[in-house]
Amino acid sequence: MASEIDIYNQYPLHLDPASKALSLPSSSAQTATQTTTINTELQELNQLHRALISLDSPNIPPPPLPVNPKRSAQITKLRDSANAAYRKSNNAEAVRLYTYAIEMALSRPGWEPVTLARDELAGLYANRAQAHMAQQAWPEGLVDSKASVDSKGVGNVKAWWRLAKCLAEMTRYEEARSLVLKALEIEGRESDGGKELSGLLEDVDRALERPAAS
């Protein structure tokens, strides 16, 4: 037996030319319960239509909630404080502050634009990777650089460079070389970042040419 969701019923609805409101003609051959149910749904639909056309041009409803400016300001403040700590070579403090900023960016509610969080996280992960690298914490730098690239794969040459650099420092030269070539394909060789990547590629190639220690 077919379920209710599998049954399609076509009703003879009427569209008012002036108001564009939908209605079910009284002469329609429906049961009283069906008529009541349909009219209730049509009333809600007509109310929604009137609400939308009453909005200012271009008649697009606003988002459920705007971006919380306080959260953005707090993330920016934490990032700036972390940058200041890094410039003073206080790398452990920089990592701690970047971590707080990352956690706050990750906790953005789902209705806020995804690109906003991705751009924030790309920069924060890349910066925390640099602070890890300053402490020669190559695995941690590798993880953060990869997270940055995953968040923003184009226009993020520093993260690509740091990712490949961490691989090279861990003597994973073949992986580093493949990654640099991929980054150059994405970012281009002619940019300033492309030149840095090309320089790293030369270093990796020289490392690959060295005879393995016996």
N, C-alpha and C. Protein backbone atom coordinates (compact mmCIF):
# COMPACT_ATOMS: atom_id res chain seq x y z
N MET A 1 0.85 -1.20 0.00
CA MET A 1 0.00 0.00 0.00
C MET A 1 0.88 1.24 0.00
N ALA A 2 0.57 2.20 -0.85
CA ALA A 2 1.39 3.40 -0.96
C ALA A 2 1.22 4.26 0.29
N SER A 3 2.34 4.81 0.76
CA SER A 3 2.28 5.70 1.91
C SER A 3 1.77 7.07 1.48
N GLU A 4 1.41 7.88 2.47
CA GLU A 4 0.86 9.21 2.17
C GLU A 4 1.86 10.07 1.42
N ILE A 5 3.17 9.87 1.70
CA ILE A 5 4.20 10.70 1.07
C ILE A 5 4.36 10.34 -0.41
N ASP A 6 3.91 9.12 -0.79
CA ASP A 6 4.05 8.68 -2.19
C ASP A 6 2.88 9.13 -3.06
N ILE A 7 1.85 9.70 -2.44
CA ILE A 7 0.65 10.07 -3.18
C ILE A 7 0.69 11.55 -3.55
N TYR A 8 0.47 11.84 -4.82
CA TYR A 8 0.44 13.22 -5.29
C TYR A 8 -0.99 13.62 -5.59
N ASN A 9 -1.44 14.68 -4.93
CA ASN A 9 -2.79 15.21 -5.16
C ASN A 9 -2.69 16.59 -5.78
N GLN A 10 -3.33 16.77 -6.91
CA GLN A 10 -3.36 18.08 -7.56
C GLN A 10 -4.66 18.78 -7.22
N TYR A 11 -4.52 19.96 -6.59
CA TYR A 11 -5.71 20.70 -6.18
C TYR A 11 -5.95 21.86 -7.15
N PRO A 12 -7.19 22.20 -7.40
CA PRO A 12 -7.52 23.30 -8.33
C PRO A 12 -7.40 24.66 -7.63
N LEU A 13 -6.17 25.06 -7.37
CA LEU A 13 -5.94 26.32 -6.66
C LEU A 13 -6.21 27.51 -7.57
N HIS A 14 -6.55 28.62 -6.94
CA HIS A 14 -6.83 29.85 -7.68
C HIS A 14 -5.81 30.91 -7.28
N LEU A 15 -5.22 31.58 -8.28
CA LEU A 15 -4.25 32.65 -8.03
C LEU A 15 -4.92 33.99 -8.33
N ASP A 16 -5.02 34.83 -7.31
CA ASP A 16 -5.62 36.14 -7.50
C ASP A 16 -4.68 37.01 -8.34
N PRO A 17 -5.16 37.54 -9.47
CA PRO A 17 -4.27 38.32 -10.35
C PRO A 17 -3.68 39.56 -9.69
N ALA A 18 -4.41 40.17 -8.79
CA ALA A 18 -3.95 41.41 -8.17
C ALA A 18 -3.01 41.16 -6.99
N SER A 19 -3.45 40.35 -6.04
CA SER A 19 -2.66 40.14 -4.81
C SER A 19 -1.69 38.97 -4.93
N LYS A 20 -1.87 38.13 -5.93
CA LYS A 20 -1.07 36.92 -6.12
C LYS A 20 -1.30 35.91 -5.00
N ALA A 21 -2.38 36.05 -4.27
CA ALA A 21 -2.69 35.12 -3.19
C ALA A 21 -3.31 33.85 -3.75
N LEU A 22 -2.98 32.72 -3.13
CA LEU A 22 -3.52 31.44 -3.54
C LEU A 22 -4.70 31.07 -2.66
N SER A 23 -5.71 30.44 -3.26
CA SER A 23 -6.87 30.02 -2.49
C SER A 23 -7.42 28.74 -3.10
N LEU A 24 -8.22 28.04 -2.33
CA LEU A 24 -8.87 26.82 -2.80
C LEU A 24 -10.35 27.12 -3.01
N PRO A 25 -10.85 27.05 -4.24
CA PRO A 25 -12.26 27.37 -4.50
C PRO A 25 -13.19 26.53 -3.65
N SER A 26 -14.27 27.15 -3.19
CA SER A 26 -15.23 26.46 -2.31
C SER A 26 -15.93 25.31 -3.00
N SER A 27 -15.96 25.33 -4.30
CA SER A 27 -16.63 24.28 -5.04
C SER A 27 -15.76 23.04 -5.22
N SER A 28 -14.59 23.09 -4.70
CA SER A 28 -13.67 21.98 -4.86
C SER A 28 -14.20 20.73 -4.17
N ALA A 29 -14.03 19.62 -4.81
CA ALA A 29 -14.57 18.36 -4.29
C ALA A 29 -13.61 17.73 -3.29
N GLN A 30 -13.44 18.39 -2.14
CA GLN A 30 -12.58 17.88 -1.08
C GLN A 30 -13.41 17.68 0.18
N THR A 31 -12.92 16.84 1.05
CA THR A 31 -13.59 16.67 2.32
C THR A 31 -13.37 17.92 3.16
N ALA A 32 -14.17 18.06 4.22
CA ALA A 32 -14.05 19.24 5.09
C ALA A 32 -12.68 19.30 5.75
N THR A 33 -12.16 18.14 6.14
CA THR A 33 -10.84 18.10 6.79
C THR A 33 -9.75 18.52 5.81
N GLN A 34 -9.83 17.98 4.58
CA GLN A 34 -8.84 18.35 3.57
C GLN A 34 -8.89 19.84 3.26
N THR A 35 -10.09 20.38 3.14
CA THR A 35 -10.25 21.80 2.84
C THR A 35 -9.65 22.66 3.95
N THR A 36 -9.90 22.30 5.20
CA THR A 36 -9.35 23.06 6.33
C THR A 36 -7.83 23.01 6.34
N THR A 37 -7.28 21.83 6.12
CA THR A 37 -5.82 21.65 6.13
C THR A 37 -5.17 22.46 5.01
N ILE A 38 -5.74 22.36 3.80
CA ILE A 38 -5.18 23.08 2.65
C ILE A 38 -5.26 24.59 2.86
N ASN A 39 -6.40 25.07 3.35
CA ASN A 39 -6.56 26.51 3.56
C ASN A 39 -5.61 27.05 4.62
N THR A 40 -5.34 26.23 5.64
CA THR A 40 -4.38 26.65 6.67
C THR A 40 -2.99 26.81 6.07
N GLU A 41 -2.57 25.85 5.25
CA GLU A 41 -1.25 25.92 4.62
C GLU A 41 -1.17 27.08 3.63
N LEU A 42 -2.24 27.30 2.90
CA LEU A 42 -2.26 28.41 1.94
C LEU A 42 -2.21 29.76 2.67
N GLN A 43 -2.87 29.84 3.81
CA GLN A 43 -2.85 31.08 4.58
C GLN A 43 -1.43 31.40 5.04
N GLU A 44 -0.70 30.39 5.51
CA GLU A 44 0.69 30.60 5.94
C GLU A 44 1.57 30.99 4.75
N LEU A 45 1.34 30.35 3.61
CA LEU A 45 2.12 30.67 2.41
C LEU A 45 1.84 32.09 1.94
N ASN A 46 0.59 32.51 1.97
CA ASN A 46 0.23 33.88 1.56
C ASN A 46 0.81 34.91 2.52
N GLN A 47 0.85 34.60 3.82
CA GLN A 47 1.45 35.51 4.79
C GLN A 47 2.94 35.67 4.53
N LEU A 48 3.60 34.57 4.24
CA LEU A 48 5.02 34.63 3.92
C LEU A 48 5.26 35.47 2.67
N HIS A 49 4.42 35.28 1.67
CA HIS A 49 4.55 36.05 0.42
C HIS A 49 4.39 37.55 0.68
N ARG A 50 3.41 37.91 1.48
CA ARG A 50 3.20 39.33 1.79
C ARG A 50 4.37 39.91 2.58
N ALA A 51 4.93 39.11 3.47
CA ALA A 51 6.06 39.58 4.26
C ALA A 51 7.29 39.82 3.39
N LEU A 52 7.49 38.94 2.41
CA LEU A 52 8.67 39.07 1.55
C LEU A 52 8.55 40.27 0.62
N ILE A 53 7.37 40.48 0.04
CA ILE A 53 7.25 41.60 -0.89
C ILE A 53 7.21 42.94 -0.17
N SER A 54 7.02 42.91 1.14
CA SER A 54 7.03 44.17 1.90
C SER A 54 8.45 44.62 2.25
N LEU A 55 9.42 43.74 2.02
CA LEU A 55 10.81 44.11 2.30
C LEU A 55 11.31 45.13 1.28
N ASP A 56 12.33 45.86 1.68
CA ASP A 56 12.96 46.78 0.75
C ASP A 56 13.62 46.01 -0.37
N SER A 57 13.74 46.66 -1.52
CA SER A 57 14.39 46.03 -2.67
C SER A 57 15.79 45.57 -2.26
N PRO A 58 16.25 44.38 -2.72
CA PRO A 58 15.66 43.49 -3.72
C PRO A 58 14.75 42.41 -3.14
N ASN A 59 14.07 42.69 -2.04
CA ASN A 59 13.11 41.76 -1.46
C ASN A 59 13.74 40.43 -1.05
N ILE A 60 14.94 40.52 -0.50
CA ILE A 60 15.63 39.32 -0.03
C ILE A 60 15.59 39.32 1.49
N PRO A 61 15.13 38.25 2.12
CA PRO A 61 15.07 38.23 3.58
C PRO A 61 16.47 38.29 4.18
N PRO A 62 16.62 38.91 5.34
CA PRO A 62 17.93 38.99 5.98
C PRO A 62 18.36 37.64 6.52
N PRO A 63 19.62 37.46 6.84
CA PRO A 63 20.07 36.20 7.45
C PRO A 63 19.44 36.05 8.83
N PRO A 64 19.41 34.84 9.36
CA PRO A 64 18.80 34.64 10.68
C PRO A 64 19.42 35.53 11.75
N LEU A 65 20.72 35.65 11.75
CA LEU A 65 21.42 36.53 12.67
C LEU A 65 22.65 37.08 11.96
N PRO A 66 23.02 38.33 12.19
CA PRO A 66 24.22 38.86 11.56
C PRO A 66 25.48 38.30 12.21
N VAL A 67 26.61 38.52 11.58
CA VAL A 67 27.89 38.10 12.16
C VAL A 67 28.11 38.86 13.46
N ASN A 68 28.49 38.13 14.48
CA ASN A 68 28.70 38.73 15.80
C ASN A 68 29.99 39.55 15.78
N PRO A 69 29.91 40.89 15.85
CA PRO A 69 31.14 41.70 15.78
C PRO A 69 32.04 41.50 16.98
N LYS A 70 31.47 41.13 18.12
CA LYS A 70 32.29 40.92 19.32
C LYS A 70 33.22 39.72 19.13
N ARG A 71 32.71 38.66 18.53
CA ARG A 71 33.55 37.48 18.29
C ARG A 71 34.69 37.82 17.33
N SER A 72 34.36 38.55 16.27
CA SER A 72 35.39 38.94 15.30
C SER A 72 36.44 39.82 15.96
N ALA A 73 36.01 40.74 16.82
CA ALA A 73 36.96 41.64 17.50
C ALA A 73 37.85 40.85 18.45
N GLN A 74 37.29 39.86 19.15
CA GLN A 74 38.08 39.06 20.07
C GLN A 74 39.11 38.21 19.34
N ILE A 75 38.70 37.65 18.21
CA ILE A 75 39.64 36.84 17.41
C ILE A 75 40.77 37.72 16.91
N THR A 76 40.43 38.91 16.42
CA THR A 76 41.47 39.84 15.94
C THR A 76 42.41 40.24 17.06
N LYS A 77 41.88 40.51 18.25
CA LYS A 77 42.71 40.90 19.39
C LYS A 77 43.66 39.77 19.79
N LEU A 78 43.16 38.56 19.83
CA LEU A 78 44.01 37.41 20.17
C LEU A 78 45.10 37.21 19.12
N ARG A 79 44.74 37.35 17.85
CA ARG A 79 45.72 37.19 16.77
C ARG A 79 46.81 38.26 16.87
N ASP A 80 46.41 39.50 17.11
CA ASP A 80 47.39 40.58 17.22
C ASP A 80 48.31 40.37 18.41
N SER A 81 47.75 39.91 19.53
CA SER A 81 48.58 39.64 20.71
C SER A 81 49.54 38.49 20.44
N ALA A 82 49.07 37.48 19.73
CA ALA A 82 49.94 36.35 19.37
C ALA A 82 51.05 36.80 18.43
N ASN A 83 50.71 37.65 17.47
CA ASN A 83 51.73 38.17 16.56
C ASN A 83 52.80 38.94 17.32
N ALA A 84 52.37 39.74 18.30
CA ALA A 84 53.31 40.51 19.10
C ALA A 84 54.23 39.60 19.90
N ALA A 85 53.67 38.53 20.47
CA ALA A 85 54.48 37.57 21.22
C ALA A 85 55.48 36.88 20.31
N TYR A 86 55.07 36.55 19.09
CA TYR A 86 55.98 35.90 18.15
C TYR A 86 57.13 36.82 17.76
N ARG A 87 56.82 38.10 17.54
CA ARG A 87 57.87 39.05 17.18
C ARG A 87 58.89 39.21 18.31
N LYS A 88 58.48 38.95 19.54
CA LYS A 88 59.39 39.03 20.69
C LYS A 88 60.05 37.69 20.98
N SER A 89 59.87 36.73 20.05
CA SER A 89 60.42 35.37 20.17
C SER A 89 59.83 34.60 21.35
N ASN A 90 58.68 35.04 21.83
CA ASN A 90 57.97 34.31 22.88
C ASN A 90 57.02 33.33 22.19
N ASN A 91 57.62 32.30 21.62
CA ASN A 91 56.88 31.42 20.72
C ASN A 91 55.84 30.57 21.44
N ALA A 92 56.15 30.12 22.65
CA ALA A 92 55.18 29.32 23.40
C ALA A 92 53.92 30.13 23.70
N GLU A 93 54.11 31.40 24.07
CA GLU A 93 52.96 32.27 24.32
C GLU A 93 52.18 32.52 23.03
N ALA A 94 52.91 32.68 21.94
CA ALA A 94 52.25 32.89 20.66
C ALA A 94 51.38 31.69 20.30
N VAL A 95 51.92 30.49 20.49
CA VAL A 95 51.14 29.27 20.22
C VAL A 95 49.88 29.23 21.07
N ARG A 96 50.01 29.59 22.34
CA ARG A 96 48.88 29.57 23.26
C ARG A 96 47.78 30.53 22.79
N LEU A 97 48.17 31.74 22.41
CA LEU A 97 47.20 32.74 21.99
C LEU A 97 46.57 32.39 20.64
N TYR A 98 47.38 31.88 19.71
CA TYR A 98 46.83 31.44 18.43
C TYR A 98 45.81 30.32 18.66
N THR A 99 46.09 29.45 19.62
CA THR A 99 45.18 28.34 19.91
C THR A 99 43.83 28.86 20.39
N TYR A 100 43.85 29.85 21.28
CA TYR A 100 42.59 30.45 21.74
C TYR A 100 41.82 31.06 20.57
N ALA A 101 42.53 31.75 19.69
CA ALA A 101 41.87 32.37 18.54
C ALA A 101 41.29 31.31 17.61
N ILE A 102 42.01 30.23 17.40
CA ILE A 102 41.52 29.15 16.54
C ILE A 102 40.27 28.52 17.12
N GLU A 103 40.29 28.27 18.43
CA GLU A 103 39.11 27.68 19.07
C GLU A 103 37.89 28.60 18.94
N MET A 104 38.13 29.90 19.05
CA MET A 104 37.02 30.84 18.93
C MET A 104 36.49 30.88 17.49
N ALA A 105 37.39 30.82 16.52
CA ALA A 105 36.97 30.82 15.12
C ALA A 105 36.21 29.54 14.78
N LEU A 106 36.64 28.42 15.36
CA LEU A 106 35.97 27.15 15.10
C LEU A 106 34.57 27.10 15.71
N SER A 107 34.34 27.91 16.73
CA SER A 107 33.05 27.89 17.41
C SER A 107 32.03 28.85 16.81
N ARG A 108 32.35 29.45 15.66
CA ARG A 108 31.36 30.32 15.02
C ARG A 108 30.10 29.52 14.71
N PRO A 109 28.92 30.12 14.94
CA PRO A 109 27.68 29.39 14.65
C PRO A 109 27.52 29.10 13.16
N GLY A 110 26.74 28.08 12.87
CA GLY A 110 26.62 27.60 11.49
C GLY A 110 25.99 28.57 10.52
N TRP A 111 25.24 29.55 11.04
CA TRP A 111 24.58 30.47 10.09
C TRP A 111 25.51 31.56 9.58
N GLU A 112 26.69 31.72 10.18
CA GLU A 112 27.62 32.72 9.70
C GLU A 112 28.32 32.20 8.44
N PRO A 113 28.78 33.09 7.56
CA PRO A 113 29.38 32.65 6.30
C PRO A 113 30.56 31.71 6.51
N VAL A 114 30.57 30.60 5.79
CA VAL A 114 31.64 29.62 5.92
C VAL A 114 32.97 30.22 5.51
N THR A 115 32.96 31.08 4.48
CA THR A 115 34.21 31.67 4.00
C THR A 115 34.87 32.54 5.05
N LEU A 116 34.07 33.15 5.93
CA LEU A 116 34.63 33.97 6.99
C LEU A 116 35.49 33.13 7.91
N ALA A 117 34.95 32.02 8.38
CA ALA A 117 35.70 31.14 9.28
C ALA A 117 36.91 30.53 8.57
N ARG A 118 36.74 30.15 7.31
CA ARG A 118 37.85 29.54 6.58
C ARG A 118 39.02 30.52 6.40
N ASP A 119 38.73 31.76 6.09
CA ASP A 119 39.80 32.75 5.93
C ASP A 119 40.50 33.00 7.26
N GLU A 120 39.71 33.11 8.32
CA GLU A 120 40.31 33.30 9.65
C GLU A 120 41.21 32.13 10.01
N LEU A 121 40.69 30.93 9.83
CA LEU A 121 41.43 29.74 10.24
C LEU A 121 42.67 29.53 9.39
N ALA A 122 42.59 29.85 8.10
CA ALA A 122 43.77 29.70 7.24
C ALA A 122 44.93 30.54 7.77
N GLY A 123 44.65 31.80 8.13
CA GLY A 123 45.70 32.66 8.66
C GLY A 123 46.18 32.24 10.03
N LEU A 124 45.26 31.87 10.90
CA LEU A 124 45.64 31.49 12.26
C LEU A 124 46.45 30.20 12.29
N TYR A 125 46.03 29.21 11.52
CA TYR A 125 46.80 27.96 11.47
C TYR A 125 48.19 28.19 10.89
N ALA A 126 48.27 29.02 9.84
CA ALA A 126 49.57 29.31 9.24
C ALA A 126 50.49 30.02 10.23
N ASN A 127 49.94 30.95 10.99
CA ASN A 127 50.74 31.68 11.97
C ASN A 127 51.18 30.77 13.11
N ARG A 128 50.28 29.91 13.56
CA ARG A 128 50.68 29.00 14.64
C ARG A 128 51.72 28.00 14.16
N ALA A 129 51.62 27.61 12.88
CA ALA A 129 52.64 26.73 12.31
C ALA A 129 54.01 27.40 12.36
N GLN A 130 54.05 28.70 12.04
CA GLN A 130 55.32 29.42 12.08
C GLN A 130 55.88 29.47 13.49
N ALA A 131 55.02 29.66 14.49
CA ALA A 131 55.48 29.67 15.88
C ALA A 131 55.99 28.29 16.29
N HIS A 132 55.36 27.23 15.82
CA HIS A 132 55.87 25.88 16.08
C HIS A 132 57.23 25.69 15.43
N MET A 133 57.36 26.15 14.20
CA MET A 133 58.61 25.97 13.46
C MET A 133 59.75 26.73 14.11
N ALA A 134 59.44 27.87 14.72
CA ALA A 134 60.48 28.63 15.41
C ALA A 134 61.03 27.85 16.59
N GLN A 135 60.26 26.89 17.08
CA GLN A 135 60.70 26.03 18.18
C GLN A 135 61.18 24.67 17.66
N GLN A 136 61.30 24.56 16.33
CA GLN A 136 61.70 23.32 15.65
C GLN A 136 60.74 22.18 15.98
N ALA A 137 59.51 22.53 16.21
CA ALA A 137 58.47 21.52 16.43
C ALA A 137 57.85 21.20 15.07
N TRP A 138 58.59 20.44 14.26
CA TRP A 138 58.22 20.23 12.87
C TRP A 138 56.91 19.46 12.70
N PRO A 139 56.64 18.38 13.48
CA PRO A 139 55.35 17.70 13.29
C PRO A 139 54.16 18.61 13.58
N GLU A 140 54.27 19.42 14.64
CA GLU A 140 53.18 20.35 14.96
C GLU A 140 53.00 21.40 13.86
N GLY A 141 54.14 21.89 13.36
CA GLY A 141 54.08 22.85 12.26
C GLY A 141 53.47 22.24 11.01
N LEU A 142 53.79 20.96 10.77
CA LEU A 142 53.24 20.25 9.62
C LEU A 142 51.72 20.15 9.71
N VAL A 143 51.23 19.78 10.88
CA VAL A 143 49.78 19.63 11.06
C VAL A 143 49.06 20.96 10.85
N ASP A 144 49.60 22.04 11.43
CA ASP A 144 48.95 23.33 11.30
C ASP A 144 49.03 23.88 9.88
N SER A 145 50.14 23.68 9.22
CA SER A 145 50.27 24.13 7.83
C SER A 145 49.27 23.40 6.94
N LYS A 146 49.13 22.10 7.18
CA LYS A 146 48.15 21.32 6.39
C LYS A 146 46.74 21.82 6.65
N ALA A 147 46.42 22.14 7.90
CA ALA A 147 45.09 22.67 8.22
C ALA A 147 44.85 24.00 7.53
N SER A 148 45.90 24.82 7.43
CA SER A 148 45.77 26.11 6.76
C SER A 148 45.50 25.93 5.27
N VAL A 149 46.25 25.04 4.66
CA VAL A 149 46.07 24.77 3.23
C VAL A 149 44.69 24.17 2.96
N ASP A 150 44.24 23.30 3.85
CA ASP A 150 42.91 22.71 3.69
C ASP A 150 41.82 23.78 3.80
N SER A 151 42.05 24.79 4.64
CA SER A 151 41.07 25.86 4.80
C SER A 151 41.05 26.80 3.61
N LYS A 152 42.23 27.02 3.03
CA LYS A 152 42.35 27.95 1.91
C LYS A 152 43.49 27.48 1.01
N GLY A 153 43.14 26.85 -0.09
CA GLY A 153 44.16 26.23 -0.93
C GLY A 153 44.79 27.16 -1.95
N VAL A 154 44.15 28.29 -2.25
CA VAL A 154 44.65 29.22 -3.26
C VAL A 154 44.91 30.57 -2.59
N GLY A 155 46.03 31.21 -2.95
CA GLY A 155 46.36 32.49 -2.34
C GLY A 155 46.85 32.32 -0.91
N ASN A 156 47.51 31.22 -0.65
CA ASN A 156 47.97 30.91 0.70
C ASN A 156 49.38 30.32 0.62
N VAL A 157 50.24 31.03 -0.10
CA VAL A 157 51.55 30.48 -0.42
C VAL A 157 52.41 30.25 0.81
N LYS A 158 52.26 31.09 1.84
CA LYS A 158 53.07 30.89 3.06
C LYS A 158 52.78 29.55 3.70
N ALA A 159 51.50 29.17 3.72
CA ALA A 159 51.15 27.88 4.32
C ALA A 159 51.72 26.74 3.49
N TRP A 160 51.64 26.86 2.16
CA TRP A 160 52.24 25.84 1.31
C TRP A 160 53.74 25.71 1.59
N TRP A 161 54.42 26.85 1.67
CA TRP A 161 55.87 26.83 1.91
C TRP A 161 56.18 26.18 3.26
N ARG A 162 55.43 26.55 4.29
CA ARG A 162 55.69 26.01 5.62
C ARG A 162 55.41 24.52 5.68
N LEU A 163 54.39 24.08 4.98
CA LEU A 163 54.08 22.66 4.93
C LEU A 163 55.23 21.87 4.30
N ALA A 164 55.72 22.36 3.17
CA ALA A 164 56.83 21.68 2.50
C ALA A 164 58.11 21.78 3.33
N LYS A 165 58.33 22.91 3.98
CA LYS A 165 59.52 23.10 4.80
C LYS A 165 59.53 22.11 5.96
N CYS A 166 58.39 21.92 6.60
CA CYS A 166 58.32 20.96 7.71
C CYS A 166 58.62 19.55 7.22
N LEU A 167 58.09 19.19 6.06
CA LEU A 167 58.40 17.87 5.50
C LEU A 167 59.89 17.72 5.23
N ALA A 168 60.49 18.77 4.68
CA ALA A 168 61.93 18.72 4.39
C ALA A 168 62.74 18.60 5.68
N GLU A 169 62.37 19.33 6.70
CA GLU A 169 63.09 19.26 7.97
C GLU A 169 62.95 17.90 8.62
N MET A 170 61.90 17.19 8.29
CA MET A 170 61.69 15.83 8.81
C MET A 170 62.30 14.79 7.86
N THR A 171 63.10 15.27 6.89
CA THR A 171 63.79 14.46 5.87
C THR A 171 62.81 13.66 5.00
N ARG A 172 61.62 14.16 4.88
CA ARG A 172 60.63 13.55 3.98
C ARG A 172 60.69 14.31 2.65
N TYR A 173 61.86 14.17 1.99
CA TYR A 173 62.17 15.02 0.85
C TYR A 173 61.28 14.75 -0.37
N GLU A 174 60.99 13.49 -0.63
CA GLU A 174 60.15 13.18 -1.80
C GLU A 174 58.77 13.81 -1.64
N GLU A 175 58.20 13.71 -0.43
CA GLU A 175 56.89 14.32 -0.18
C GLU A 175 56.98 15.83 -0.29
N ALA A 176 58.08 16.38 0.23
CA ALA A 176 58.25 17.84 0.18
C ALA A 176 58.33 18.31 -1.27
N ARG A 177 59.06 17.56 -2.09
CA ARG A 177 59.20 17.94 -3.50
C ARG A 177 57.86 17.90 -4.23
N SER A 178 57.11 16.84 -4.02
CA SER A 178 55.80 16.72 -4.67
C SER A 178 54.89 17.86 -4.24
N LEU A 179 54.98 18.21 -2.97
CA LEU A 179 54.11 19.27 -2.45
C LEU A 179 54.49 20.63 -3.04
N VAL A 180 55.79 20.90 -3.14
CA VAL A 180 56.23 22.18 -3.71
C VAL A 180 55.77 22.29 -5.15
N LEU A 181 55.90 21.22 -5.92
CA LEU A 181 55.47 21.24 -7.31
C LEU A 181 53.96 21.50 -7.42
N LYS A 182 53.20 20.90 -6.52
CA LYS A 182 51.76 21.14 -6.49
C LYS A 182 51.47 22.59 -6.14
N ALA A 183 52.20 23.12 -5.16
CA ALA A 183 51.99 24.51 -4.74
C ALA A 183 52.35 25.47 -5.86
N LEU A 184 53.41 25.20 -6.58
CA LEU A 184 53.80 26.06 -7.70
C LEU A 184 52.75 26.04 -8.80
N GLU A 185 52.14 24.89 -9.00
CA GLU A 185 51.09 24.79 -10.02
C GLU A 185 49.88 25.63 -9.62
N ILE A 186 49.59 25.68 -8.32
CA ILE A 186 48.44 26.42 -7.83
C ILE A 186 48.73 27.91 -7.72
N GLU A 187 49.87 28.25 -7.13
CA GLU A 187 50.19 29.64 -6.83
C GLU A 187 50.92 30.36 -7.96
N GLY A 188 51.57 29.61 -8.86
CA GLY A 188 52.31 30.22 -9.95
C GLY A 188 53.76 30.47 -9.57
N ARG A 189 54.63 30.43 -10.56
CA ARG A 189 56.06 30.58 -10.31
C ARG A 189 56.52 32.03 -10.31
N GLU A 190 55.73 32.93 -10.87
CA GLU A 190 56.20 34.30 -11.07
C GLU A 190 55.95 35.20 -9.86
N SER A 191 55.10 34.80 -8.97
CA SER A 191 54.81 35.64 -7.80
C SER A 191 55.98 35.59 -6.81
N ASP A 192 55.96 36.51 -5.85
CA ASP A 192 57.00 36.50 -4.81
C ASP A 192 56.97 35.18 -4.04
N GLY A 193 55.78 34.73 -3.75
CA GLY A 193 55.67 33.45 -3.07
C GLY A 193 56.16 32.30 -3.93
N GLY A 194 55.90 32.40 -5.23
CA GLY A 194 56.38 31.37 -6.14
C GLY A 194 57.89 31.29 -6.16
N LYS A 195 58.55 32.44 -6.03
CA LYS A 195 60.01 32.45 -6.01
C LYS A 195 60.53 31.77 -4.74
N GLU A 196 59.85 32.00 -3.62
CA GLU A 196 60.25 31.33 -2.38
C GLU A 196 60.06 29.82 -2.49
N LEU A 197 58.97 29.43 -3.10
CA LEU A 197 58.74 28.00 -3.30
C LEU A 197 59.81 27.39 -4.22
N SER A 198 60.18 28.13 -5.26
CA SER A 198 61.22 27.64 -6.18
C SER A 198 62.54 27.48 -5.45
N GLY A 199 62.84 28.43 -4.55
CA GLY A 199 64.07 28.32 -3.76
C GLY A 199 64.05 27.11 -2.85
N LEU A 200 62.90 26.83 -2.25
CA LEU A 200 62.78 25.64 -1.40
C LEU A 200 62.91 24.38 -2.24
N LEU A 201 62.38 24.40 -3.45
CA LEU A 201 62.48 23.24 -4.34
C LEU A 201 63.94 22.94 -4.65
N GLU A 202 64.74 23.97 -4.87
CA GLU A 202 66.18 23.77 -5.12
C GLU A 202 66.84 23.13 -3.91
N ASP A 203 66.50 23.59 -2.71
CA ASP A 203 67.08 23.01 -1.50
C ASP A 203 66.70 21.54 -1.36
N VAL A 204 65.45 21.22 -1.66
CA VAL A 204 65.00 19.83 -1.57
C VAL A 204 65.69 18.96 -2.61
N ASP A 205 65.85 19.48 -3.81
CA ASP A 205 66.53 18.71 -4.86
C ASP A 205 67.98 18.43 -4.48
N ARG A 206 68.65 19.42 -3.88
CA ARG A 206 70.04 19.20 -3.44
C ARG A 206 70.09 18.13 -2.35
N ALA A 207 69.11 18.14 -1.47
CA ALA A 207 69.07 17.13 -0.41
C ALA A 207 68.85 15.74 -1.00
N LEU A 208 68.03 15.65 -2.03
CA LEU A 208 67.77 14.36 -2.66
C LEU A 208 69.00 13.84 -3.41
N GLU A 209 69.83 14.75 -3.88
CA GLU A 209 71.05 14.35 -4.62
C GLU A 209 72.16 13.87 -3.70
N ARG A 210 72.09 14.22 -2.43
CA ARG A 210 73.14 13.82 -1.50
C ARG A 210 73.07 12.31 -1.29
N PRO A 211 74.22 11.66 -1.24
CA PRO A 211 74.21 10.21 -1.01
C PRO A 211 73.69 9.90 0.37
N ALA A 212 72.95 8.83 0.47
CA ALA A 212 72.40 8.44 1.77
C ALA A 212 73.52 8.00 2.68
N ALA A 213 73.38 8.35 3.97
CA ALA A 213 74.40 7.98 4.94
C ALA A 213 74.38 6.46 5.12
N SER A 214 75.57 5.88 5.13
CA SER A 214 75.68 4.42 5.26
C SER A 214 75.63 4.00 6.70
